[in-house]
Protein backbone atom coordinates (compact mmCIF):
# COMPACT_ATOMS: atom_id res chain seq x y z
CA MET A 1 135.23 120.66 86.12
CA ASP A 2 134.73 117.54 84.00
CA ARG A 3 131.81 115.49 85.21
CA GLU A 4 132.91 112.34 87.00
CA MET A 5 130.62 109.41 86.35
CA ILE A 6 130.26 106.07 88.09
CA ILE A 7 128.16 103.46 86.29
CA VAL A 8 126.19 100.95 88.36
CA LEU A 9 125.82 97.86 86.19
CA ASP A 10 122.58 96.25 87.19
CA PHE A 11 122.37 92.44 87.36
CA GLY A 12 118.89 92.36 88.86
CA GLY A 13 119.69 92.84 92.55
CA GLN A 14 117.50 94.46 95.19
CA TYR A 15 119.84 97.20 96.42
CA ASN A 16 120.71 98.87 93.12
CA GLN A 17 118.86 102.11 93.82
CA LEU A 18 120.52 102.27 97.21
CA ILE A 19 123.99 101.84 95.71
CA ALA A 20 123.38 104.73 93.33
CA ARG A 21 122.03 106.84 96.18
CA ARG A 22 125.17 106.21 98.25
CA VAL A 23 127.43 107.21 95.36
CA ARG A 24 125.53 110.44 94.76
CA ASP A 25 125.50 111.27 98.45
CA LEU A 26 129.30 111.12 98.31
CA GLY A 27 129.28 113.82 95.62
CA VAL A 28 129.87 111.65 92.54
CA TYR A 29 127.47 111.55 89.61
CA CYS A 30 126.06 108.08 89.04
CA GLU A 31 123.77 106.28 86.60
CA ILE A 32 122.26 102.79 86.66
CA VAL A 33 122.32 100.82 83.41
CA PRO A 34 121.30 97.21 82.68
CA TYR A 35 123.99 94.56 82.33
CA THR A 36 122.82 94.09 78.73
CA ILE A 37 124.08 97.53 77.69
CA ASP A 38 126.06 97.68 74.48
CA MET A 39 129.79 97.85 75.24
CA ALA A 40 130.35 100.67 72.73
CA LYS A 41 127.62 102.71 74.41
CA LEU A 42 129.12 102.02 77.83
CA ALA A 43 132.56 103.05 76.64
CA ALA A 44 131.17 106.27 75.18
CA MET A 45 129.87 107.22 78.63
CA GLN A 46 133.52 107.34 79.82
CA PRO A 47 132.92 106.17 83.40
CA ALA A 48 135.51 106.72 86.07
CA GLY A 49 134.57 103.37 87.54
CA LEU A 50 131.99 100.56 87.43
CA ILE A 51 130.03 98.88 90.19
CA PHE A 52 128.58 95.43 89.56
CA THR A 53 125.43 94.88 91.62
CA GLY A 54 123.99 91.88 93.35
CA GLY A 55 121.54 89.53 91.64
CA PRO A 56 119.14 86.67 92.36
CA ASN A 57 120.91 83.99 90.35
CA SER A 58 123.93 81.69 90.52
CA VAL A 59 126.70 82.79 88.15
CA TYR A 60 127.55 79.24 87.07
CA LEU A 61 124.05 78.69 85.58
CA GLU A 62 123.76 79.27 81.85
CA ALA A 63 120.56 81.34 82.15
CA SER A 64 122.07 83.73 84.71
CA PRO A 65 123.02 87.31 83.79
CA HIS A 66 126.45 87.41 82.17
CA ILE A 67 128.39 90.13 80.45
CA SER A 68 131.00 90.20 77.73
CA ASP A 69 134.65 90.11 78.88
CA GLU A 70 135.05 93.21 76.69
CA ILE A 71 134.13 95.06 79.85
CA PHE A 72 137.66 94.58 81.15
CA GLY A 73 139.00 96.29 78.02
CA LEU A 74 137.61 99.59 79.32
CA ASN A 75 140.49 99.63 81.80
CA VAL A 76 138.48 101.30 84.55
CA PRO A 77 138.21 100.23 88.19
CA ILE A 78 135.46 97.75 88.98
CA LEU A 79 133.82 97.02 92.32
CA GLY A 80 131.70 93.86 92.46
CA ILE A 81 129.10 93.50 95.23
CA CYS A 82 127.64 90.07 96.14
CA TYR A 83 126.67 88.57 92.75
CA GLY A 84 128.94 91.24 91.23
CA CYS A 85 131.85 89.88 93.24
CA GLN A 86 131.05 86.31 92.15
CA ILE A 87 130.76 87.19 88.49
CA LEU A 88 134.17 88.87 88.64
CA ALA A 89 135.63 85.68 90.02
CA TYR A 90 133.74 83.48 87.52
CA MET A 91 134.70 85.50 84.44
CA LEU A 92 138.38 85.70 85.37
CA GLY A 93 138.98 82.01 86.04
CA GLY A 94 138.00 81.63 89.69
CA THR A 95 135.52 79.08 91.05
CA VAL A 96 132.06 79.82 92.41
CA SER A 97 130.36 76.97 94.24
CA PRO A 98 126.97 76.39 95.86
CA ALA A 99 126.90 76.30 99.64
CA GLU A 100 127.00 72.68 100.80
CA THR A 101 125.09 73.26 104.03
CA ALA A 102 122.38 75.63 105.25
CA ALA A 103 124.91 77.16 107.66
CA ALA A 104 127.06 78.22 104.71
CA ARG A 105 124.19 80.19 103.16
CA GLU A 106 124.87 83.43 104.95
CA TYR A 107 122.05 85.90 105.47
CA GLY A 108 122.00 88.87 107.81
CA LYS A 109 124.61 90.40 110.07
CA THR A 110 127.85 88.45 109.89
CA GLU A 111 131.10 88.54 111.88
CA THR A 112 133.81 89.34 109.34
CA ASP A 113 137.60 89.37 109.52
CA TYR A 114 139.36 92.02 107.41
CA LEU A 115 142.83 90.95 106.30
CA THR A 116 145.90 93.01 105.49
CA GLY A 117 146.61 94.88 102.30
CA SER A 118 143.15 96.02 101.16
CA LYS A 119 142.50 99.32 99.42
CA LEU A 120 138.92 99.36 100.71
CA PHE A 121 139.30 98.75 104.44
CA ASP A 122 141.80 98.40 107.27
CA GLU A 123 142.82 95.17 108.97
CA GLY A 124 140.55 94.18 111.81
CA HIS A 125 137.14 92.79 112.64
CA GLY A 126 133.64 94.03 111.89
CA ILE A 127 130.02 93.32 111.05
CA THR A 128 128.83 92.94 107.45
CA TRP A 129 125.45 92.23 105.85
CA MET A 130 125.45 89.02 103.85
CA SER A 131 122.82 87.57 101.51
CA HIS A 132 124.14 84.67 99.41
CA GLY A 133 123.76 80.95 98.82
CA ASP A 134 126.94 80.58 96.74
CA TYR A 135 130.53 81.36 97.62
CA ILE A 136 133.87 81.85 95.90
CA SER A 137 135.89 78.73 96.61
CA LYS A 138 138.89 79.80 94.47
CA VAL A 139 139.92 83.34 93.54
CA PRO A 140 141.22 84.15 90.05
CA GLU A 141 144.94 84.36 89.38
CA GLY A 142 146.43 87.64 90.55
CA PHE A 143 143.74 88.21 93.22
CA LYS A 144 144.29 88.13 96.97
CA ILE A 145 141.74 87.37 99.64
CA THR A 146 141.13 90.43 101.80
CA ALA A 147 138.27 89.32 104.07
CA LYS A 148 136.70 86.08 105.33
CA THR A 149 134.00 84.79 107.67
CA PRO A 150 133.80 81.51 109.59
CA VAL A 151 131.89 79.87 106.68
CA CYS A 152 132.84 82.10 103.71
CA PRO A 153 136.51 81.72 102.70
CA VAL A 154 136.37 84.75 100.34
CA ALA A 155 134.32 87.56 101.83
CA ALA A 156 136.38 90.05 99.79
CA MET A 157 139.09 89.88 97.13
CA GLU A 158 141.04 92.33 94.99
CA CYS A 159 143.65 92.69 92.28
CA ASP A 160 145.37 96.05 92.73
CA GLU A 161 147.26 95.79 89.45
CA LYS A 162 144.03 95.63 87.41
CA ARG A 163 142.04 97.76 89.90
CA LEU A 164 139.43 95.03 90.37
CA TYR A 165 137.70 94.64 93.73
CA GLY A 166 134.98 92.36 95.02
CA VAL A 167 133.05 92.12 98.30
CA GLN A 168 130.65 89.28 99.05
CA PHE A 169 128.76 91.47 101.52
CA HIS A 170 126.56 94.48 100.87
CA LEU A 171 128.62 97.52 101.81
CA GLU A 172 125.83 99.90 100.75
CA VAL A 173 123.46 98.99 103.60
CA ASN A 174 123.69 100.45 107.09
CA HIS A 175 124.03 96.99 108.63
CA THR A 176 127.58 96.78 107.23
CA VAL A 177 129.57 98.81 109.75
CA GLY A 178 131.92 101.15 107.87
CA GLY A 179 130.48 100.16 104.49
CA ILE A 180 130.07 103.75 103.27
CA ASP A 181 133.71 104.42 104.05
CA MET A 182 134.65 101.40 101.93
CA LEU A 183 132.64 102.85 99.06
CA ARG A 184 134.29 106.23 99.63
CA ARG A 185 137.72 104.63 99.34
CA PHE A 186 136.76 102.97 96.07
CA LEU A 187 135.42 106.23 94.60
CA PHE A 188 138.20 108.53 95.75
CA ASP A 189 141.32 106.42 96.32
CA VAL A 190 140.83 103.92 93.49
CA CYS A 191 138.73 105.75 90.85
CA GLY A 192 140.28 109.15 91.57
CA CYS A 193 136.97 110.99 91.93
CA LYS A 194 136.93 114.35 93.70
CA GLY A 195 133.36 114.35 94.96
CA GLU A 196 132.52 117.83 93.66
CA TRP A 197 129.31 116.93 91.87
CA LYS A 198 126.03 118.37 93.11
CA MET A 199 122.52 117.73 91.86
CA ASP A 200 121.93 121.48 91.55
CA SER A 201 124.79 121.99 89.10
CA PHE A 202 123.54 119.17 86.90
CA ILE A 203 120.02 120.57 86.83
CA ASP A 204 121.31 124.06 86.06
CA THR A 205 123.15 122.74 83.01
CA THR A 206 120.09 120.87 81.75
CA VAL A 207 117.83 123.85 82.31
CA ALA A 208 120.13 126.14 80.36
CA GLU A 209 120.14 123.75 77.40
CA LEU A 210 116.36 123.37 77.41
CA LYS A 211 115.71 127.09 77.73
CA ARG A 212 117.46 127.67 74.42
CA THR A 213 115.12 125.10 72.84
CA ILE A 214 111.75 126.00 74.34
CA GLY A 215 111.80 129.78 74.26
CA ASP A 216 108.94 131.52 76.08
CA LYS A 217 105.78 129.91 74.61
CA GLY A 218 106.25 126.18 74.70
CA VAL A 219 104.54 123.38 76.61
CA VAL A 220 106.65 120.91 78.55
CA LEU A 221 105.03 117.50 78.49
CA GLY A 222 105.86 114.73 80.96
CA LEU A 223 106.36 111.53 78.98
CA SER A 224 106.27 108.09 80.59
CA GLY A 225 106.66 105.90 77.54
CA GLY A 226 103.01 104.84 77.74
CA VAL A 227 100.19 105.37 75.30
CA ASP A 228 98.38 108.14 77.25
CA SER A 229 101.26 110.63 77.40
CA SER A 230 102.27 109.70 73.84
CA VAL A 231 98.83 110.60 72.48
CA ALA A 232 98.89 113.74 74.65
CA ALA A 233 102.08 114.75 72.81
CA LEU A 234 100.46 114.09 69.43
CA LEU A 235 97.35 116.11 70.28
CA LEU A 236 99.32 119.08 71.59
CA LYS A 237 101.45 119.12 68.43
CA GLN A 238 98.32 118.97 66.23
CA GLN A 239 96.83 121.87 68.19
CA GLY A 240 99.81 124.05 67.33
CA TYR A 241 101.71 124.01 70.59
CA ASP A 242 105.51 124.08 70.70
CA VAL A 243 105.91 120.79 72.59
CA ILE A 244 109.02 119.66 74.46
CA GLY A 245 108.85 116.05 75.65
CA VAL A 246 110.59 115.29 78.94
CA PHE A 247 111.02 111.78 80.26
CA MET A 248 110.95 111.80 84.03
CA LYS A 249 113.21 109.12 85.48
CA ASN A 250 112.02 108.75 89.06
CA TRP A 251 113.21 105.22 89.90
CA GLU A 252 116.25 103.44 88.58
CA GLU A 253 116.08 99.90 89.91
CA THR A 254 115.46 96.86 87.73
CA ASP A 255 112.76 94.25 88.15
CA GLU A 256 113.43 90.69 89.31
CA SER A 257 114.43 89.59 85.81
CA GLY A 258 117.18 92.18 85.61
CA VAL A 259 115.29 94.36 83.15
CA CYS A 260 115.57 98.10 83.61
CA THR A 261 112.03 99.22 82.82
CA ALA A 262 113.11 102.86 82.72
CA GLU A 263 115.48 102.02 79.87
CA ASN A 264 112.66 100.37 77.90
CA ASP A 265 110.30 103.28 78.56
CA TRP A 266 112.97 105.79 77.49
CA ASN A 267 113.40 103.93 74.21
CA ASP A 268 109.63 104.14 73.63
CA VAL A 269 109.69 107.88 74.39
CA ARG A 270 112.44 108.49 71.86
CA GLU A 271 110.69 106.50 69.12
CA VAL A 272 107.34 108.24 69.71
CA CYS A 273 108.88 111.75 69.75
CA GLU A 274 110.78 111.08 66.53
CA ILE A 275 107.56 109.95 64.82
CA ILE A 276 105.61 113.00 66.04
CA GLY A 277 108.50 115.34 65.37
CA ILE A 278 109.10 116.98 68.75
CA PRO A 279 112.33 117.39 70.72
CA TYR A 280 112.77 115.21 73.78
CA TYR A 281 114.99 115.04 76.84
CA ALA A 282 115.41 112.91 79.94
CA VAL A 283 115.62 114.43 83.42
CA ASN A 284 116.44 112.41 86.52
CA PHE A 285 114.25 113.12 89.53
CA SER A 286 115.20 109.94 91.41
CA ARG A 287 116.86 111.82 94.26
CA GLU A 288 113.79 114.01 94.79
CA TYR A 289 111.63 110.90 94.59
CA TRP A 290 113.66 109.16 97.24
CA ASP A 291 113.61 112.14 99.59
CA ARG A 292 110.00 113.28 99.12
CA VAL A 293 108.10 110.08 98.30
CA PHE A 294 109.96 106.88 99.02
CA SER A 295 111.09 107.90 102.51
CA TYR A 296 107.46 108.66 103.40
CA PHE A 297 106.40 105.35 101.88
CA LEU A 298 108.80 103.43 104.16
CA LYS A 299 107.84 105.50 107.20
CA GLU A 300 104.14 104.70 106.70
CA TYR A 301 104.72 100.98 106.29
CA ARG A 302 106.97 100.99 109.34
CA ALA A 303 104.07 102.50 111.29
CA GLY A 304 101.67 99.77 110.15
CA ARG A 305 99.73 101.91 107.66
CA THR A 306 99.04 101.36 103.96
CA PRO A 307 100.18 104.46 102.05
CA ASN A 308 99.41 105.48 98.48
CA PRO A 309 102.69 106.79 97.05
CA ASP A 310 101.07 107.66 93.71
CA VAL A 311 99.23 110.55 95.42
CA LEU A 312 102.43 111.93 96.92
CA CYS A 313 104.30 111.42 93.67
CA ASN A 314 101.85 113.68 91.87
CA ARG A 315 102.09 116.36 94.53
CA GLU A 316 105.86 116.30 95.12
CA ILE A 317 107.32 115.21 91.78
CA LYS A 318 105.01 115.75 88.80
CA PHE A 319 103.29 118.90 89.98
CA LYS A 320 106.09 120.35 92.09
CA ALA A 321 109.58 119.28 91.04
CA PHE A 322 108.59 118.77 87.39
CA LEU A 323 106.28 121.81 87.30
CA ASP A 324 109.00 124.00 88.81
CA PHE A 325 111.39 122.59 86.23
CA ALA A 326 109.00 123.45 83.37
CA MET A 327 108.48 126.98 84.64
CA GLN A 328 112.26 127.42 84.96
CA LEU A 329 112.48 126.72 81.27
CA GLY A 330 110.11 129.56 80.49
CA ALA A 331 107.26 127.25 79.47
CA SER A 332 103.75 128.66 79.41
CA LYS A 333 102.22 125.34 80.51
CA MET A 334 103.07 121.81 81.60
CA ALA A 335 101.12 118.81 80.38
CA THR A 336 100.64 115.16 81.37
CA GLY A 337 98.67 112.15 80.16
CA HIS A 338 96.37 112.00 83.19
CA PHE A 339 92.70 111.19 82.62
CA VAL A 340 91.35 114.33 84.31
CA ARG A 341 89.97 117.70 83.21
CA THR A 342 90.12 121.28 84.48
CA ASN A 343 88.05 124.40 83.93
CA GLU A 344 88.89 128.10 83.68
CA ASN A 345 88.80 128.42 87.49
CA GLY A 346 91.47 125.77 88.00
CA ASP A 347 89.00 123.24 89.39
CA LEU A 348 89.82 119.54 89.05
CA LEU A 349 87.16 117.57 87.19
CA ARG A 350 86.84 113.83 86.71
CA GLY A 351 88.02 112.34 83.42
CA ILE A 352 85.29 111.46 80.92
CA ASP A 353 86.15 107.74 81.09
CA PRO A 354 84.84 106.55 84.47
CA ASN A 355 87.09 103.49 84.32
CA LYS A 356 90.25 105.57 83.86
CA ASP A 357 89.47 108.75 85.82
CA GLN A 358 92.60 109.64 87.85
CA SER A 359 91.32 112.58 89.90
CA TYR A 360 91.66 110.42 93.02
CA PHE A 361 95.44 110.63 92.67
CA LEU A 362 95.52 114.42 92.10
CA TYR A 363 93.47 115.61 95.04
CA MET A 364 96.51 117.12 96.79
CA LEU A 365 96.97 119.73 94.06
CA HIS A 366 95.85 123.35 94.25
CA GLN A 367 94.13 125.57 91.70
CA GLU A 368 97.35 127.51 91.11
CA GLN A 369 99.08 124.31 89.94
CA LEU A 370 96.11 123.16 87.89
CA ARG A 371 95.89 126.49 86.03
CA LYS A 372 99.39 125.79 84.73
CA ALA A 373 98.53 122.28 83.56
CA ILE A 374 97.01 120.80 80.39
CA PHE A 375 95.45 117.32 80.29
CA PRO A 376 94.93 116.56 76.60
CA VAL A 377 93.36 113.08 77.03
CA GLY A 378 91.09 113.86 79.99
CA GLY A 379 88.07 114.35 77.73
CA MET A 380 88.57 111.02 75.97
CA THR A 381 88.02 107.35 76.68
CA LYS A 382 90.90 104.91 76.81
CA THR A 383 89.55 103.22 73.70
CA GLU A 384 89.71 106.52 71.82
CA VAL A 385 93.29 107.12 73.03
CA ARG A 386 94.46 103.72 71.76
CA ARG A 387 92.62 104.23 68.45
CA ILE A 388 94.35 107.58 67.87
CA ALA A 389 97.72 106.02 68.71
CA GLU A 390 97.17 103.19 66.25
CA GLU A 391 95.87 105.44 63.45
CA ASN A 392 98.96 107.64 63.77
CA GLY A 393 101.44 104.78 63.83
CA LEU A 394 102.60 105.19 67.42
CA PRO A 395 104.38 101.95 68.45
CA VAL A 396 102.94 102.12 71.99
CA CYS A 397 99.33 101.85 70.80
CA LYS A 398 98.94 98.37 72.32
CA LYS A 399 101.40 98.77 75.21
CA LYS A 400 100.04 97.41 78.47
CA ASP A 401 99.11 99.97 81.11
CA SER A 402 101.48 100.08 84.07
CA THR A 403 100.11 98.65 87.29
CA GLY A 404 101.27 98.24 90.84
CA VAL A 405 102.92 100.79 93.07
CA CYS A 406 104.20 103.67 90.97
CA PHE A 407 107.91 102.98 91.38
CA ILE A 408 107.76 99.24 91.98
CA GLY A 409 105.57 98.13 89.07
CA GLU A 410 104.55 94.53 88.69
CA ARG A 411 107.20 92.97 90.88
CA ASN A 412 107.02 90.89 94.02
CA PHE A 413 105.98 93.58 96.47
CA ARG A 414 106.83 91.55 99.59
CA GLN A 415 110.33 90.83 98.35
CA PHE A 416 110.84 94.46 97.40
CA LEU A 417 109.67 95.81 100.75
CA SER A 418 111.84 93.37 102.72
CA THR A 419 114.87 94.92 101.04
CA TYR A 420 114.33 98.16 102.90
CA LEU A 421 112.42 97.21 106.05
CA PRO A 422 113.33 94.31 108.36
CA ALA A 423 110.38 91.99 108.80
CA GLN A 424 109.30 90.89 112.29
CA PRO A 425 107.23 87.68 112.11
CA GLY A 426 104.53 87.16 114.70
CA ASP A 427 101.20 85.49 115.50
CA MET A 428 97.89 85.68 113.66
CA VAL A 429 95.19 85.93 116.30
CA ALA A 430 91.43 85.28 116.01
CA PRO A 431 88.83 87.42 117.83
CA ASP A 432 88.72 84.91 120.74
CA GLY A 433 92.46 85.35 121.30
CA SER A 434 93.51 82.00 119.87
CA VAL A 435 96.59 81.80 117.66
CA VAL A 436 95.51 80.49 114.22
CA GLY A 437 98.69 81.11 112.27
CA HIS A 438 101.82 83.17 111.88
CA HIS A 439 102.51 86.28 109.82
CA ASP A 440 105.73 87.27 108.06
CA GLY A 441 105.63 90.90 109.19
CA LEU A 442 102.72 93.31 109.76
CA MET A 443 103.86 95.55 106.92
CA TYR A 444 102.96 92.88 104.37
CA TYR A 445 99.25 92.92 105.21
CA THR A 446 96.35 95.35 104.89
CA LEU A 447 92.82 95.45 106.26
CA GLY A 448 90.40 93.25 104.38
CA GLN A 449 93.15 91.11 102.87
CA ARG A 450 92.25 87.49 102.18
CA ARG A 451 94.96 86.12 99.94
CA GLY A 452 98.32 84.98 101.24
CA LEU A 453 97.34 84.37 104.87
CA GLY A 454 98.12 80.66 104.73
CA ILE A 455 95.53 79.61 107.31
CA GLY A 456 92.99 77.82 105.12
CA GLY A 457 91.36 74.79 106.68
CA CYS A 458 91.32 76.34 110.12
CA GLY A 459 88.05 77.31 111.84
CA ASP A 460 84.60 76.81 110.30
CA GLY A 461 85.73 76.61 106.68
CA ARG A 462 85.04 80.24 105.69
CA SER A 463 87.87 82.39 104.36
CA TRP A 464 90.00 84.36 106.78
CA PHE A 465 90.44 88.13 106.49
CA VAL A 466 92.70 90.69 108.14
CA ILE A 467 90.66 92.84 110.52
CA GLY A 468 93.41 94.79 112.32
CA LYS A 469 97.01 95.12 113.46
CA ASP A 470 98.30 95.15 117.03
CA LEU A 471 101.60 96.96 116.59
CA GLU A 472 102.53 96.88 120.28
CA SER A 473 102.41 93.08 120.49
CA ASN A 474 103.21 92.48 116.80
CA ARG A 475 100.00 90.51 116.24
CA LEU A 476 97.90 90.32 113.07
CA LEU A 477 94.21 90.21 113.88
CA VAL A 478 92.15 87.95 111.62
CA ALA A 479 88.58 86.74 111.43
CA GLN A 480 86.42 84.54 109.23
CA GLY A 481 83.86 85.79 106.75
CA GLU A 482 84.05 88.72 104.34
CA ASP A 483 81.12 90.31 106.16
CA HIS A 484 82.69 90.17 109.60
CA PRO A 485 81.55 93.23 111.61
CA MET A 486 85.11 94.30 112.41
CA LEU A 487 85.70 94.96 108.73
CA TYR A 488 83.02 97.69 108.67
CA SER A 489 83.00 101.21 110.06
CA THR A 490 81.29 104.55 109.53
CA MET A 491 83.53 107.01 111.42
CA SER A 492 87.15 107.83 110.69
CA ILE A 493 89.57 110.64 111.36
CA GLY A 494 91.48 112.16 108.49
CA ALA A 495 94.63 114.25 108.63
CA GLU A 496 94.45 117.97 107.94
CA ALA A 497 92.61 118.34 104.63
CA THR A 498 94.03 119.47 101.32
CA TRP A 499 91.45 121.54 99.42
CA ILE A 500 91.92 122.23 95.72
CA GLY A 501 89.98 125.48 95.94
CA ALA A 502 88.27 127.32 98.77
CA ASP A 503 87.83 125.49 102.07
CA PRO A 504 84.20 124.26 102.11
CA LEU A 505 84.31 123.97 105.92
CA ALA A 506 85.44 127.56 106.48
CA GLY A 507 81.94 128.62 107.52
CA GLY A 508 81.73 126.00 110.26
CA GLU A 509 78.94 123.98 108.65
CA PRO A 510 79.44 120.29 107.85
CA LEU A 511 80.06 119.26 104.26
CA ARG A 512 77.68 116.79 102.60
CA CYS A 513 79.38 115.21 99.61
CA THR A 514 80.58 111.89 98.21
CA CYS A 515 83.85 110.18 98.98
CA LYS A 516 86.14 107.50 97.58
CA PHE A 517 88.27 105.70 100.15
CA ARG A 518 89.96 103.65 97.39
CA TYR A 519 90.65 104.38 93.75
CA ARG A 520 88.33 101.76 92.26
CA GLN A 521 85.53 102.38 94.76
CA GLY A 522 82.25 103.97 93.74
CA ASP A 523 81.14 107.25 95.30
CA GLN A 524 80.08 106.92 98.95
CA PRO A 525 77.84 109.52 100.68
CA VAL A 526 79.62 111.16 103.63
CA GLU A 527 79.36 114.07 106.03
CA VAL A 528 82.62 115.82 106.84
CA ARG A 529 83.21 118.03 109.90
CA ARG A 530 86.27 119.74 111.24
CA ASP A 531 87.69 118.26 114.42
CA GLY A 532 90.41 120.70 115.48
CA GLN A 533 93.07 120.44 112.78
CA LYS A 534 91.73 117.08 111.68
CA LEU A 535 88.62 115.92 109.82
CA LEU A 536 85.85 113.76 111.18
CA ILE A 537 84.53 111.71 108.27
CA HIS A 538 81.10 110.13 108.79
CA ALA A 539 80.15 107.65 106.09
CA LEU A 540 76.37 107.42 105.82
CA THR A 541 76.61 103.68 105.05
CA PRO A 542 79.14 101.28 106.66
CA GLN A 543 82.40 101.11 104.73
CA ARG A 544 84.42 97.95 104.35
CA ALA A 545 88.11 97.87 105.25
CA VAL A 546 88.83 101.58 105.45
CA THR A 547 92.55 101.53 106.20
CA PRO A 548 94.85 104.07 107.89
CA GLY A 549 97.20 105.49 105.29
CA GLN A 550 94.62 105.47 102.52
CA SER A 551 93.26 108.67 101.03
CA ALA A 552 89.66 109.81 101.49
CA VAL A 553 88.90 111.95 98.42
CA PHE A 554 85.81 114.19 98.34
CA TYR A 555 83.59 115.03 95.33
CA GLN A 556 80.59 117.11 94.44
CA GLY A 557 79.39 115.68 91.17
CA GLU A 558 82.19 115.93 88.59
CA LYS A 559 84.27 118.24 90.77
CA CYS A 560 87.02 116.92 93.03
CA LEU A 561 87.09 119.05 96.20
CA GLY A 562 90.20 117.65 97.85
CA GLY A 563 90.77 115.03 100.49
CA ALA A 564 92.75 113.79 103.46
CA ILE A 565 94.77 110.77 104.53
CA VAL A 566 92.89 108.49 106.92
CA GLU A 567 94.64 108.34 110.27
CA GLN A 568 92.29 106.40 112.52
CA ILE A 569 89.12 104.28 112.42
CA LEU A 570 86.80 105.13 115.30
CA ASP A 571 84.04 102.55 115.23
CA ALA A 572 85.12 99.31 113.57
CA GLY A 573 82.53 96.62 114.20
CA GLN A 574 79.45 98.27 112.71
CA GLY A 575 78.58 95.38 110.48
CA LYS A 576 77.38 95.36 106.92
CA MET A 577 74.21 97.29 106.13
CA ASP A 578 71.72 96.14 103.50
CA VAL A 579 71.08 99.01 101.12
């Protein structure tokens, strides 16, 4: 069958990844592209339909994301959601106006009346999820109003003749009752899709194409668009390897400015590979990322913990999904730009550069995986990597290192998280039980946090810090002073350990080693014992702000032994020790 494709045109909204996920779950292939995409390129993709996403701006402002009216010349169905609905109205001669009162700025679950004659839903009444401060006060010529709320005169509109549809609410979220069925109607009844696409079939096609290229002796290199993986590609090519560059697209959402960072990174990958002279491809692992990493990320935050998704990404995506993919191609090895080293036994060793060593994030791997991996830059400093990139004319030589959560980047984390998890505000409580402030939701805070509490000037003048979370009563526990005893502990319980090699506790004796409870932390002396299926981790000096959800990673010298996720702190309140 011909591949059906729906294009999600991204205007900088918060639910773009979710929209794409919903489309794919309905059996239709989908890609997210920025609203700035060249119209000729968009036409060449031959989409069966387009979806305009939400966005943070007002369409009537000059600086807001706009698109050429050439888009309507494609003659394909369009579904506009929230901002996407408003920009349809604005571009086609309707009127979009700011809400005149606070009551008209709808947010949350909203009683909605569905009117007659819609292709997307039946007449009746239902609940939708709204998030807008503007509204359509006049629909374009040829459009009919198909839904309304008590304060929103145009909750949905459509023009059947031109196959243009707009909904002010977010049909992609679960809060909109029947929203997925509305999307199904657009895909199947309007766009004519059959829903026969499966991720497996797409991967099979890609694998077959790559197998013809790589043969049986090549190295598949994961490229991010950054300087580390770019230099790794250069070094492998200089060492005589047959290198295939593969760009892993794990997350498709834009940042707050409407910029699709994956698109920019992909452009850097292509330019670098053309300079080096190696073939390159892009493979989409966003579905695997959602299922194996992001779902866990949300679950942990919902439970009040502070997870590290980078660790899980390495285990589930880069060294599982991607490694499996590379082996399917017949590659002899896979490679990445991580600052780590290995030896002939498959042990994981720290990178030479102590400021860039990434072994902390790879502790969940096993020797079998590591024996199949090459880390070309692990024996170099970051300065050396950038120098090599510059000397060889790689355009990413001065590109800024990515920071933040692996799939979120440098965006407003609180705003991002609120998109997927409903916040429950509550009280901030001091050790004496007094209420000293109010929090926006326990998920936004972590142990030891000082910034963003908003309770300065209260108490004795010292800074306030988070010392705990009371999930049952939805209270954030805070105290004054960075050396407050409740911030320090020596005993914690870790989940069942992941050991890279042989289990050092197999003989029943405790393990004396060093540990890092956070990536940037120096080595801490610990004693580790088995406690049933769990680990009892005894830090020999009090540790500040050890947090459930974090990883405790164990070392013996240069060798990373493995680690475990911290589940519980046993003795908070030990106080700081002078050492």
